[in-house]
Protein backbone atom coordinates (compact mmCIF):
# COMPACT_ATOMS: atom_id res chain seq x y z
CA UNK A 1 -5.66 48.12 -13.75
CA UNK A 2 -2.15 46.62 -13.64
CA UNK A 3 -1.69 43.07 -14.94
CA UNK A 4 -2.31 40.41 -12.33
CA UNK A 5 1.24 39.09 -12.60
CA UNK A 6 2.43 42.45 -11.20
CA UNK A 7 1.52 40.99 -7.83
CA UNK A 8 3.64 38.01 -6.84
CA UNK A 9 3.27 35.82 -3.80
CA UNK A 10 6.39 34.14 -2.48
CA UNK A 11 6.30 31.68 0.40
CA UNK A 12 2.90 33.01 1.41
CA UNK A 13 4.15 36.60 1.50
CA UNK A 14 2.93 39.39 -0.72
CA UNK A 15 5.20 41.41 -2.98
CA UNK A 16 2.59 43.78 -4.29
CA UNK A 17 2.16 47.12 -5.90
CA UNK A 18 3.94 49.50 -8.18
CA UNK A 19 7.44 50.79 -7.58
CA UNK A 20 9.91 52.61 -9.78
CA UNK A 21 12.11 50.15 -11.64
CA UNK A 22 15.72 50.50 -12.68
CA UNK A 23 18.23 52.71 -10.94
CA UNK A 24 16.23 55.92 -10.85
CA UNK A 25 16.71 57.78 -7.56
CA UNK A 26 14.58 60.62 -6.32
CA UNK A 27 16.09 63.83 -4.98
CA UNK A 28 15.74 62.78 -1.34
CA UNK A 29 17.62 59.54 -2.01
CA UNK A 30 20.38 61.33 -3.90
CA UNK A 31 20.86 63.92 -1.16
CA UNK A 32 20.91 61.24 1.53
CA UNK A 33 23.49 59.15 -0.30
CA UNK A 34 25.73 62.22 -0.51
CA UNK A 35 25.43 62.66 3.25
CA UNK A 36 26.25 59.00 3.79
CA UNK A 37 29.35 59.32 1.63
CA UNK A 38 30.52 62.29 3.71
CA UNK A 39 29.80 60.33 6.89
CA UNK A 40 31.97 57.42 5.73
CA UNK A 41 34.77 59.78 4.67
CA UNK A 42 34.73 61.30 8.17
CA UNK A 43 35.06 57.85 9.71
CA UNK A 44 31.72 57.94 11.54
CA UNK A 45 30.26 54.57 12.46
CA UNK A 46 26.52 55.21 12.75
CA UNK A 47 23.73 57.44 11.50
CA UNK A 48 19.97 57.84 11.23
CA UNK A 49 18.02 58.61 8.06
CA UNK A 50 14.60 60.22 8.59
CA UNK A 51 12.48 60.23 5.45
CA UNK A 52 8.71 60.03 4.88
CA UNK A 53 7.04 56.70 4.24
CA UNK A 54 7.27 55.69 0.60
CA UNK A 55 10.25 57.85 -0.32
CA UNK A 56 12.75 55.00 -0.68
CA UNK A 57 14.74 54.54 2.54
CA UNK A 58 15.48 50.86 2.00
CA UNK A 59 16.97 51.45 -1.46
CA UNK A 60 19.39 53.89 0.20
CA UNK A 61 20.57 51.19 2.63
CA UNK A 62 21.12 48.71 -0.19
CA UNK A 63 23.07 51.17 -2.36
CA UNK A 64 25.19 52.55 0.47
CA UNK A 65 26.19 49.16 1.86
CA UNK A 66 27.19 48.04 -1.65
CA UNK A 67 29.03 51.26 -2.42
CA UNK A 68 31.32 50.98 0.63
CA UNK A 69 32.00 47.30 -0.07
CA UNK A 70 30.19 45.72 2.88
CA UNK A 71 30.72 41.95 2.88
CA UNK A 72 28.09 40.85 5.39
CA UNK A 73 24.94 42.93 5.83
CA UNK A 74 22.27 42.33 8.46
CA UNK A 75 18.92 44.02 7.90
CA UNK A 76 16.50 43.92 10.85
CA UNK A 77 12.82 44.84 11.10
CA UNK A 78 9.89 43.74 13.25
CA UNK A 79 7.50 42.34 10.60
CA UNK A 80 7.83 39.96 7.67
CA UNK A 81 6.01 42.46 5.44
CA UNK A 82 8.86 44.93 5.91
CA UNK A 83 11.37 42.20 5.10
CA UNK A 84 9.50 41.47 1.87
CA UNK A 85 10.09 45.00 0.64
CA UNK A 86 13.71 44.91 1.76
CA UNK A 87 14.27 41.64 -0.09
CA UNK A 88 13.20 43.27 -3.36
CA UNK A 89 15.42 46.31 -2.84
CA UNK A 90 18.57 44.43 -1.84
CA UNK A 91 18.07 41.89 -4.62
CA UNK A 92 17.85 44.77 -7.09
CA UNK A 93 21.29 46.00 -5.97
CA UNK A 94 23.11 42.77 -5.07
CA UNK A 95 21.27 40.13 -7.09
CA UNK A 96 18.78 37.61 -5.71
CA UNK A 97 21.42 34.96 -4.93
CA UNK A 98 23.12 37.25 -2.42
CA UNK A 99 19.99 37.82 -0.33
CA UNK A 100 18.97 35.36 2.41
CA UNK A 101 16.02 35.29 4.80
CA UNK A 102 17.13 34.69 8.38
CA UNK A 103 20.15 35.65 10.48
CA UNK A 104 22.19 32.47 10.14
CA UNK A 105 25.60 33.14 8.63
CA UNK A 106 28.23 30.60 7.57
CA UNK A 107 31.68 31.09 6.10
CA UNK A 108 30.67 29.02 3.08
CA UNK A 109 28.25 31.68 1.85
CA UNK A 110 29.53 33.79 -1.03
CA UNK A 111 30.52 37.36 -0.31
CA UNK A 112 28.79 39.76 -0.17
CA UNK A 113 25.80 38.22 1.58
CA UNK A 114 22.68 39.99 2.82
CA UNK A 115 20.68 38.60 5.74
CA UNK A 116 17.14 39.76 6.47
CA UNK A 117 15.65 38.91 9.86
CA UNK A 118 12.93 39.96 12.25
CA UNK A 119 14.05 41.24 15.63
CA UNK A 120 11.89 38.55 17.23
CA UNK A 121 13.85 35.78 15.50
CA UNK A 122 17.18 37.26 16.55
CA UNK A 123 16.04 37.78 20.14
CA UNK A 124 15.01 34.14 20.51
CA UNK A 125 18.56 33.03 19.67
CA UNK A 126 20.57 36.02 20.80
CA UNK A 127 22.92 33.86 22.90
CA UNK A 128 23.73 31.59 19.96
CA UNK A 129 24.55 34.24 17.35
CA UNK A 130 27.90 35.80 16.70
CA UNK A 131 26.56 39.12 15.50
CA UNK A 132 30.06 40.48 15.01
CA UNK A 133 30.18 38.64 11.67
CA UNK A 134 28.18 41.54 10.24
CA UNK A 135 30.07 44.65 9.18
CA UNK A 136 26.97 46.65 8.15
CA UNK A 137 23.73 46.56 10.16
CA UNK A 138 20.47 48.23 9.10
CA UNK A 139 17.58 48.68 11.54
CA UNK A 140 14.36 49.69 9.82
CA UNK A 141 11.52 51.46 11.66
CA UNK A 142 14.28 52.71 13.94
CA UNK A 143 11.83 54.36 16.34
CA UNK A 144 11.39 50.86 17.80
CA UNK A 145 15.08 50.68 18.67
CA UNK A 146 14.49 51.98 22.21
CA UNK A 147 13.24 48.47 23.07
CA UNK A 148 15.63 46.23 24.99
CA UNK A 149 15.78 43.66 22.17
CA UNK A 150 17.21 46.23 19.77
CA UNK A 151 19.61 47.64 22.34
CA UNK A 152 21.02 44.16 22.99
CA UNK A 153 21.39 43.59 19.24
CA UNK A 154 23.25 46.89 18.77
CA UNK A 155 25.57 46.31 21.73
CA UNK A 156 26.51 42.78 20.61
CA UNK A 157 26.82 43.42 16.87
CA UNK A 158 29.23 46.37 16.96
CA UNK A 159 29.27 46.69 13.15
CA UNK A 160 31.60 48.92 11.19
CA UNK A 161 28.49 50.94 10.33
CA UNK A 162 25.01 51.05 11.87
CA UNK A 163 22.22 52.66 9.82
CA UNK A 164 18.84 53.48 11.32
CA UNK A 165 15.86 54.15 9.03
CA UNK A 166 12.58 55.74 10.12
CA UNK A 167 9.80 58.03 9.00
CA UNK A 168 8.61 58.73 12.54
CA UNK A 169 11.43 59.27 15.07
CA UNK A 170 9.11 60.77 17.68
CA UNK A 171 8.12 58.54 20.59
CA UNK A 172 5.45 59.04 23.22
CA UNK A 173 7.76 57.87 26.03
CA UNK A 174 10.36 60.52 25.08
CA UNK A 175 13.17 57.97 24.80
CA UNK A 176 15.86 59.24 22.45
CA UNK A 177 16.54 56.63 19.79
CA UNK A 178 18.84 59.00 17.93
CA UNK A 179 21.49 58.58 20.64
CA UNK A 180 21.76 54.91 19.64
CA UNK A 181 23.36 56.20 16.44
CA UNK A 182 25.54 58.63 18.40
CA UNK A 183 23.16 61.50 17.65
CA UNK A 184 24.17 61.53 13.98
CA UNK A 185 21.13 62.48 11.87
CA UNK A 186 22.24 62.06 8.26
CA UNK A 187 19.03 63.27 6.65
CA UNK A 188 15.78 64.63 8.04
CA UNK A 189 13.18 65.19 5.35
CA UNK A 190 9.62 66.11 6.29
CA UNK A 191 6.48 64.69 4.72
CA UNK A 192 5.75 67.90 2.81
CA UNK A 193 9.18 67.69 1.14
CA UNK A 194 8.22 64.34 -0.38
CA UNK A 195 4.86 65.66 -1.57
CA UNK A 196 6.20 68.99 -2.88
CA UNK A 197 8.82 67.11 -4.93
CA UNK A 198 6.25 64.75 -6.43
CA UNK A 199 7.69 61.67 -4.72
CA UNK A 200 4.53 61.10 -2.68
CA UNK A 201 0.88 61.57 -3.55
CA UNK A 202 -0.96 64.56 -2.05
CA UNK A 203 -3.68 63.99 0.53
CA UNK A 204 -7.19 65.39 0.73
CA UNK A 205 -7.88 65.23 4.45
CA UNK A 206 -11.38 65.64 5.89
CA UNK A 207 -11.83 65.98 9.65
CA UNK A 208 -15.33 64.54 10.09
CA UNK A 209 -17.33 65.14 13.27
CA UNK A 210 -17.75 61.97 15.30
CA UNK A 211 -20.66 62.09 17.73
CA UNK A 212 -18.91 60.03 20.42
CA UNK A 213 -18.52 61.54 23.89
CA UNK A 214 -15.12 60.57 25.26
CA UNK A 215 -15.46 62.76 28.35
CA UNK A 216 -16.86 59.88 30.38
CA UNK A 217 -14.05 57.47 29.45
CA UNK A 218 -11.07 57.04 31.73
CA UNK A 219 -7.91 58.34 30.11
CA UNK A 220 -4.63 56.80 31.24
CA UNK A 221 -1.06 57.79 30.40
CA UNK A 222 -1.15 55.14 27.68
CA UNK A 223 -4.49 56.37 26.35
CA UNK A 224 -7.97 54.86 26.47
CA UNK A 225 -8.41 51.17 27.22
CA UNK A 226 -9.48 48.86 24.41
CA UNK A 227 -12.57 47.78 26.37
CA UNK A 228 -13.72 51.37 26.83
CA UNK A 229 -13.12 52.14 23.15
CA UNK A 230 -15.05 49.05 22.09
CA UNK A 231 -18.03 50.16 24.17
CA UNK A 232 -17.85 53.72 22.85
CA UNK A 233 -17.15 53.03 19.17
CA UNK A 234 -18.97 49.81 18.35
CA UNK A 235 -22.49 51.14 17.94
CA UNK A 236 -24.76 50.78 14.89
CA UNK A 237 -25.40 54.52 14.50
CA UNK A 238 -21.68 55.26 14.26
CA UNK A 239 -21.14 52.47 11.72
CA UNK A 240 -23.94 53.87 9.59
CA UNK A 241 -22.53 57.40 9.74
CA UNK A 242 -19.07 56.20 8.71
CA UNK A 243 -20.40 54.19 5.79
CA UNK A 244 -22.62 57.08 4.66
CA UNK A 245 -19.63 59.44 4.68
CA UNK A 246 -17.47 56.91 2.78
CA UNK A 247 -20.17 56.48 0.13
CA UNK A 248 -20.45 60.25 -0.26
CA UNK A 249 -16.73 61.02 -0.48
CA UNK A 250 -14.83 57.87 -1.47
CA UNK A 251 -17.21 55.23 -2.80
CA UNK A 252 -15.43 52.60 -4.86
CA UNK A 253 -11.91 53.65 -3.87
CA UNK A 254 -9.68 50.88 -2.44
CA UNK A 255 -9.73 51.69 1.26
CA UNK A 256 -7.89 50.90 4.48
CA UNK A 257 -9.85 51.41 7.70
CA UNK A 258 -7.83 51.70 10.92
CA UNK A 259 -9.76 50.30 13.88
CA UNK A 260 -9.15 50.15 17.64
CA UNK A 261 -9.37 46.37 18.20
CA UNK A 262 -9.97 43.01 16.57
CA UNK A 263 -13.60 43.20 17.66
CA UNK A 264 -13.96 46.65 16.14
CA UNK A 265 -12.36 45.59 12.84
CA UNK A 266 -14.62 42.55 12.54
CA UNK A 267 -17.67 44.67 13.34
CA UNK A 268 -16.78 47.35 10.78
CA UNK A 269 -16.15 44.75 8.08
CA UNK A 270 -19.52 43.18 8.88
CA UNK A 271 -21.26 46.57 8.78
CA UNK A 272 -19.78 47.40 5.36
CA UNK A 273 -20.84 44.01 4.03
CA UNK A 274 -24.36 44.48 5.43
CA UNK A 275 -24.49 47.73 3.45
CA UNK A 276 -23.60 45.84 0.26
CA UNK A 277 -19.93 46.88 0.24
CA UNK A 278 -17.29 44.13 0.05
CA UNK A 279 -14.99 44.26 3.08
CA UNK A 280 -12.79 42.09 5.28
CA UNK A 281 -10.79 42.31 8.48
CA UNK A 282 -6.96 42.25 8.40
CA UNK A 283 -5.59 41.31 11.82
CA UNK A 284 -2.40 40.30 13.56
CA UNK A 285 -3.87 36.81 13.78
CA UNK A 286 -4.49 36.66 10.01
CA UNK A 287 -2.07 34.22 8.37
CA UNK A 288 0.59 35.54 5.99
CA UNK A 289 -0.97 33.64 3.10
CA UNK A 290 -4.42 35.07 3.85
CA UNK A 291 -2.99 38.59 4.18
CA UNK A 292 -1.50 38.29 0.71
CA UNK A 293 -4.84 37.14 -0.70
CA UNK A 294 -6.70 40.01 0.99
CA UNK A 295 -4.33 42.63 -0.41
CA UNK A 296 -4.62 41.09 -3.87
CA UNK A 297 -8.42 41.21 -3.63
CA UNK A 298 -8.25 44.85 -2.55
CA UNK A 299 -5.99 45.68 -5.48
CA UNK A 300 -8.29 44.09 -8.04
CA UNK A 301 -11.56 45.38 -6.61
CA UNK A 302 -12.89 42.14 -5.15
CA UNK A 303 -12.74 43.86 -1.75
CA UNK A 304 -13.33 47.58 -1.32
CA UNK A 305 -12.43 48.02 2.37
CA UNK A 306 -9.83 46.31 4.56
CA UNK A 307 -10.43 46.87 8.28
CA UNK A 308 -7.09 46.65 10.09
CA UNK A 309 -5.64 46.86 13.58
CA UNK A 310 -1.98 47.97 13.85
CA UNK A 311 -0.56 45.46 11.35
CA UNK A 312 -0.97 47.82 8.37
CA UNK A 313 0.57 50.83 10.14
CA UNK A 314 4.10 50.05 8.99
CA UNK A 315 6.03 48.38 6.22
CA UNK A 316 3.30 47.12 3.88
CA UNK A 317 3.71 48.38 0.31
CA UNK A 318 0.17 48.94 -1.00
CA UNK A 319 0.46 52.02 -3.23
CA UNK A 320 -2.87 51.46 -4.97
CA UNK A 321 -4.81 52.43 -1.82
CA UNK A 322 -6.75 55.65 -2.46
CA UNK A 323 -8.72 56.13 0.75
CA UNK A 324 -7.89 55.91 4.46
CA UNK A 325 -10.43 55.78 7.28
CA UNK A 326 -9.22 56.78 10.76
CA UNK A 327 -11.88 55.15 12.94
CA UNK A 328 -10.19 55.38 16.33
CA UNK A 329 -8.85 58.30 18.38
CA UNK A 330 -5.40 59.15 17.01
CA UNK A 331 -3.56 60.40 20.08
CA UNK A 332 -0.05 59.65 18.84
CA UNK A 333 1.77 61.73 16.24
CA UNK A 334 3.74 58.64 15.24
CA UNK A 335 0.61 56.57 14.62
CA UNK A 336 -1.06 59.44 12.76
CA UNK A 337 1.83 59.67 10.30
CA UNK A 338 2.17 55.90 10.00
CA UNK A 339 -1.49 55.61 9.06
CA UNK A 340 -1.33 58.57 6.69
CA UNK A 341 1.79 57.11 5.09
CA UNK A 342 -0.11 53.99 4.02
CA UNK A 343 -1.87 56.04 1.36
CA UNK A 344 0.90 58.34 0.12
CA UNK A 345 2.81 56.03 -2.19
CA UNK A 346 2.50 56.83 -5.87
CA UNK A 347 0.71 54.48 -8.23
CA UNK A 348 -0.37 54.72 -11.89
CA UNK A 349 -3.69 56.55 -12.20
CA UNK A 350 -3.64 57.73 -8.58
CA UNK A 351 -3.59 61.50 -8.13
CA UNK A 352 -4.32 61.73 -4.38
CA UNK A 353 -5.39 59.83 -1.30
CA UNK A 354 -8.65 60.70 0.46
CA UNK A 355 -8.42 60.65 4.27
CA UNK A 356 -11.60 60.55 6.37
CA UNK A 357 -10.69 61.09 10.02
CA UNK A 358 -13.59 60.72 12.46
CA UNK A 359 -12.89 63.12 15.32
CA UNK A 360 -14.74 63.38 18.62
CA UNK A 361 -13.80 65.16 21.81
CA UNK A 362 -11.10 62.67 22.74
CA UNK A 363 -8.13 63.69 24.86
CA UNK A 364 -6.02 66.36 23.13
CA UNK A 365 -7.86 65.95 19.81
CA UNK A 366 -6.65 69.44 18.90
CA UNK A 367 -3.14 68.06 18.37
CA UNK A 368 -4.31 66.75 15.00
CA UNK A 369 -4.04 70.36 13.84
CA UNK A 370 -0.39 70.34 14.91
CA UNK A 371 0.25 66.98 13.23
CA UNK A 372 -0.88 68.53 9.96
CA UNK A 373 1.57 71.38 10.44
CA UNK A 374 -1.02 74.00 11.31
CA UNK A 375 -1.01 76.73 13.96
CA UNK A 376 -4.18 76.38 16.03
CA UNK A 377 -3.98 78.99 18.78
CA UNK A 378 -4.30 82.24 16.88
CA UNK A 379 -6.41 81.14 13.93
CA UNK A 380 -8.97 78.92 15.68
CA UNK A 381 -10.11 81.90 17.73
CA UNK A 382 -11.31 83.64 14.60
CA UNK A 383 -12.45 80.50 12.81
CA UNK A 384 -14.73 79.58 15.71
CA UNK A 385 -16.36 82.95 16.00
CA UNK A 386 -18.22 83.48 12.79
CA UNK A 387 -15.54 84.33 10.26
CA UNK A 388 -14.88 82.08 7.29
CA UNK A 389 -13.91 78.55 8.22
CA UNK A 390 -12.14 77.98 4.91
CA UNK A 391 -8.98 75.97 5.54
CA UNK A 392 -7.19 78.18 3.00
CA UNK A 393 -7.07 80.94 5.60
CA UNK A 394 -5.25 78.88 8.19
CA UNK A 395 -3.20 76.28 6.40
CA UNK A 396 0.10 76.26 4.57
CA UNK A 397 -0.21 72.91 2.85
CA UNK A 398 2.04 70.83 0.61
CA UNK A 399 1.34 71.07 -3.11
CA UNK A 400 -1.97 69.52 -4.15
CA UNK A 401 -3.11 68.86 -0.57
CA UNK A 402 -6.39 69.90 1.00
CA UNK A 403 -7.58 69.95 4.59
CA UNK A 404 -11.16 70.55 5.69
CA UNK A 405 -12.74 70.22 9.11
CA UNK A 406 -16.43 70.01 9.91
CA UNK A 407 -17.62 73.05 11.89
CA UNK A 408 -18.24 70.94 14.99
CA UNK A 409 -14.70 69.54 14.79
CA UNK A 410 -13.31 73.08 14.77
CA UNK A 411 -15.44 73.76 17.86
CA UNK A 412 -13.85 70.75 19.58
CA UNK A 413 -10.36 72.00 18.75
CA UNK A 414 -11.15 75.52 19.89
CA UNK A 415 -12.70 74.40 23.16
CA UNK A 416 -9.62 72.32 23.92
CA UNK A 417 -6.97 74.78 22.77
CA UNK A 418 -8.68 77.75 24.40
CA UNK A 419 -9.80 76.07 27.61
CA UNK A 420 -8.95 78.46 30.49
CA UNK A 421 -7.34 75.52 32.30
CA UNK A 422 -4.68 75.51 29.58
CA UNK A 423 -3.90 79.19 30.05
CA UNK A 424 -0.23 80.15 29.85
CA UNK A 425 1.52 83.46 29.34
CA UNK A 426 1.76 82.52 25.64
CA UNK A 427 -1.93 81.93 24.94
CA UNK A 428 -3.83 83.84 27.62
CA UNK A 429 -4.64 86.74 25.27
CA UNK A 430 -6.17 84.34 22.69
CA UNK A 431 -8.19 82.63 25.42
CA UNK A 432 -9.52 85.94 26.73
CA UNK A 433 -10.56 87.07 23.24
CA UNK A 434 -12.20 83.72 22.57
CA UNK A 435 -14.18 83.79 25.83
CA UNK A 436 -15.18 87.41 25.32
CA UNK A 437 -16.52 86.84 21.82
CA UNK A 438 -18.32 83.67 22.84
CA UNK A 439 -20.02 85.56 25.66
CA UNK A 440 -20.85 88.42 23.28
CA UNK A 441 -22.45 85.99 20.83
CA UNK A 442 -24.72 84.73 23.59
CA UNK A 443 -25.73 88.29 24.47
CA UNK A 444 -26.04 89.51 20.89
CA UNK A 445 -23.78 92.48 21.55
CA UNK A 446 -20.23 93.20 22.70
CA UNK A 447 -20.16 92.32 26.37
CA UNK A 448 -19.59 94.91 29.09
CA UNK A 449 -17.23 94.25 32.04
CA UNK A 450 -20.11 93.49 34.43
CA UNK A 451 -21.48 90.90 31.98
CA UNK A 452 -18.04 89.32 31.68
CA UNK A 453 -17.80 89.12 35.48
CA UNK A 454 -21.23 87.49 35.68
CA UNK A 455 -20.88 85.00 32.84
CA UNK A 456 -17.19 84.02 32.62
CA UNK A 457 -14.69 82.15 34.72
CA UNK A 458 -11.98 84.67 33.80
CA UNK A 459 -13.27 88.08 34.96
CA UNK A 460 -12.68 91.57 33.56
CA UNK A 461 -9.68 92.09 35.84
CA UNK A 462 -7.78 89.57 33.71
CA UNK A 463 -8.45 91.71 30.64
CA UNK A 464 -7.15 94.82 32.38
CA UNK A 465 -3.98 92.99 33.42
CA UNK A 466 -3.25 91.43 30.02
CA UNK A 467 -4.27 94.36 27.77
CA UNK A 468 -3.34 97.22 30.08
CA UNK A 469 -6.89 98.47 30.60
CA UNK A 470 -10.44 97.63 29.57
CA UNK A 471 -10.36 100.62 27.22
CA UNK A 472 -7.30 99.19 25.43
CA UNK A 473 -9.13 95.90 25.02
CA UNK A 474 -12.22 97.62 23.58
CA UNK A 475 -10.06 99.55 21.11
CA UNK A 476 -8.52 96.25 19.96
CA UNK A 477 -11.96 94.70 19.45
CA UNK A 478 -13.12 97.73 17.43
CA UNK A 479 -9.97 97.76 15.29
CA UNK A 480 -10.41 94.07 14.47
CA UNK A 481 -13.97 94.72 13.33
CA UNK A 482 -15.70 92.51 15.85
CA UNK A 483 -18.41 95.05 16.58
CA UNK A 484 -19.79 94.35 13.13
CA UNK A 485 -20.50 90.75 14.05
CA UNK A 486 -23.33 91.83 16.33
CA UNK A 487 -24.97 94.58 14.30
């Protein structure tokens, strides 16, 4: 356990956790700084750095702005927690006296001066600020920069250099934030690069079957409604199953639980406490001072589980967390990686993070396989049909990582990926094989064309068209050894 003075609270904000001291830079930081140097030599005025959560993006901004002699730096983010981390990093490079909270700049301030502000604060006074005072502007969590508030900031500031930082550049609305930095991607390092190089902790991910039927819930372009999710997820039996799984696989580990709503977070915290496990909710409405106290209690074991909604997705430095619970449908790749990133920071004594993802038949659940860098179409056909379900056969994982799915979760993925309604010229062969073997399993023998025509939506004529003839298809099944499954 680290000494209690390792966690400091300043103005009600938490500066917590372990981070590498001194001027040590990891390989991703060194490579990125080289690319920034080249960018400046070429006279370019903007760029985006894409690096996984916890790999040190903010330190890069501090070093680069200092190295090129920036006199007035504006660092912008959307939460105070992110500013807390930035304050530490810029103070390490520039000294504490050079770093100021807030956007207000005066000529009497010594040079260089670093100003840290939320986008909300700037937006409230955008007409009163001369943003052109700043010659170097940093926008953290740059995937938010598609919002009008950020676009106005960028257009009015016109700095000598604009640096965007993000771990998750992908957006569900397909807006291109990279074009705000003139399409200049300075570095683009994937999550596995950080893990393979020992910068981030490996994950042991478990896809746990969640007996919630989402098929009756209305799915909008933005996803499920909070009210529908509350009705579907807040049930005693589900709470009990989650707690039982946590006790079996992660009992005692400091844990973050990602919930779908304030009501859900409060209910989960209450359910954990009823089971004799210390827990608390961590909400957008929770005061900054109380948030700091909750994180401190989690670090020192006074609380085992923090149940959060959105506010812990980004920017909070809590490296001591060793377990993550995904308790809501994760339909967004960005949110999936943000949540996963909360547990990947290194910390003394921590060798991995345990991830328990509770997966039901929600819309496009199979995309979780893609988020983890897997290839679902070809392999899930065979995994679903009686061959080994060992993840080692289907997954090329980062060093030290593990991924396991419950059998019923694999069935959900297969049913979604191989649904005939999703048929395209790229996956029709896999769908036909999947349907054929599923029908054969019901019959107890390899199905004949007449049985396919009677029992399947896609008839034997489809097989003849795709494989050339029914005989060709039968030869393929024999060569793959499928006949042995029914002997």
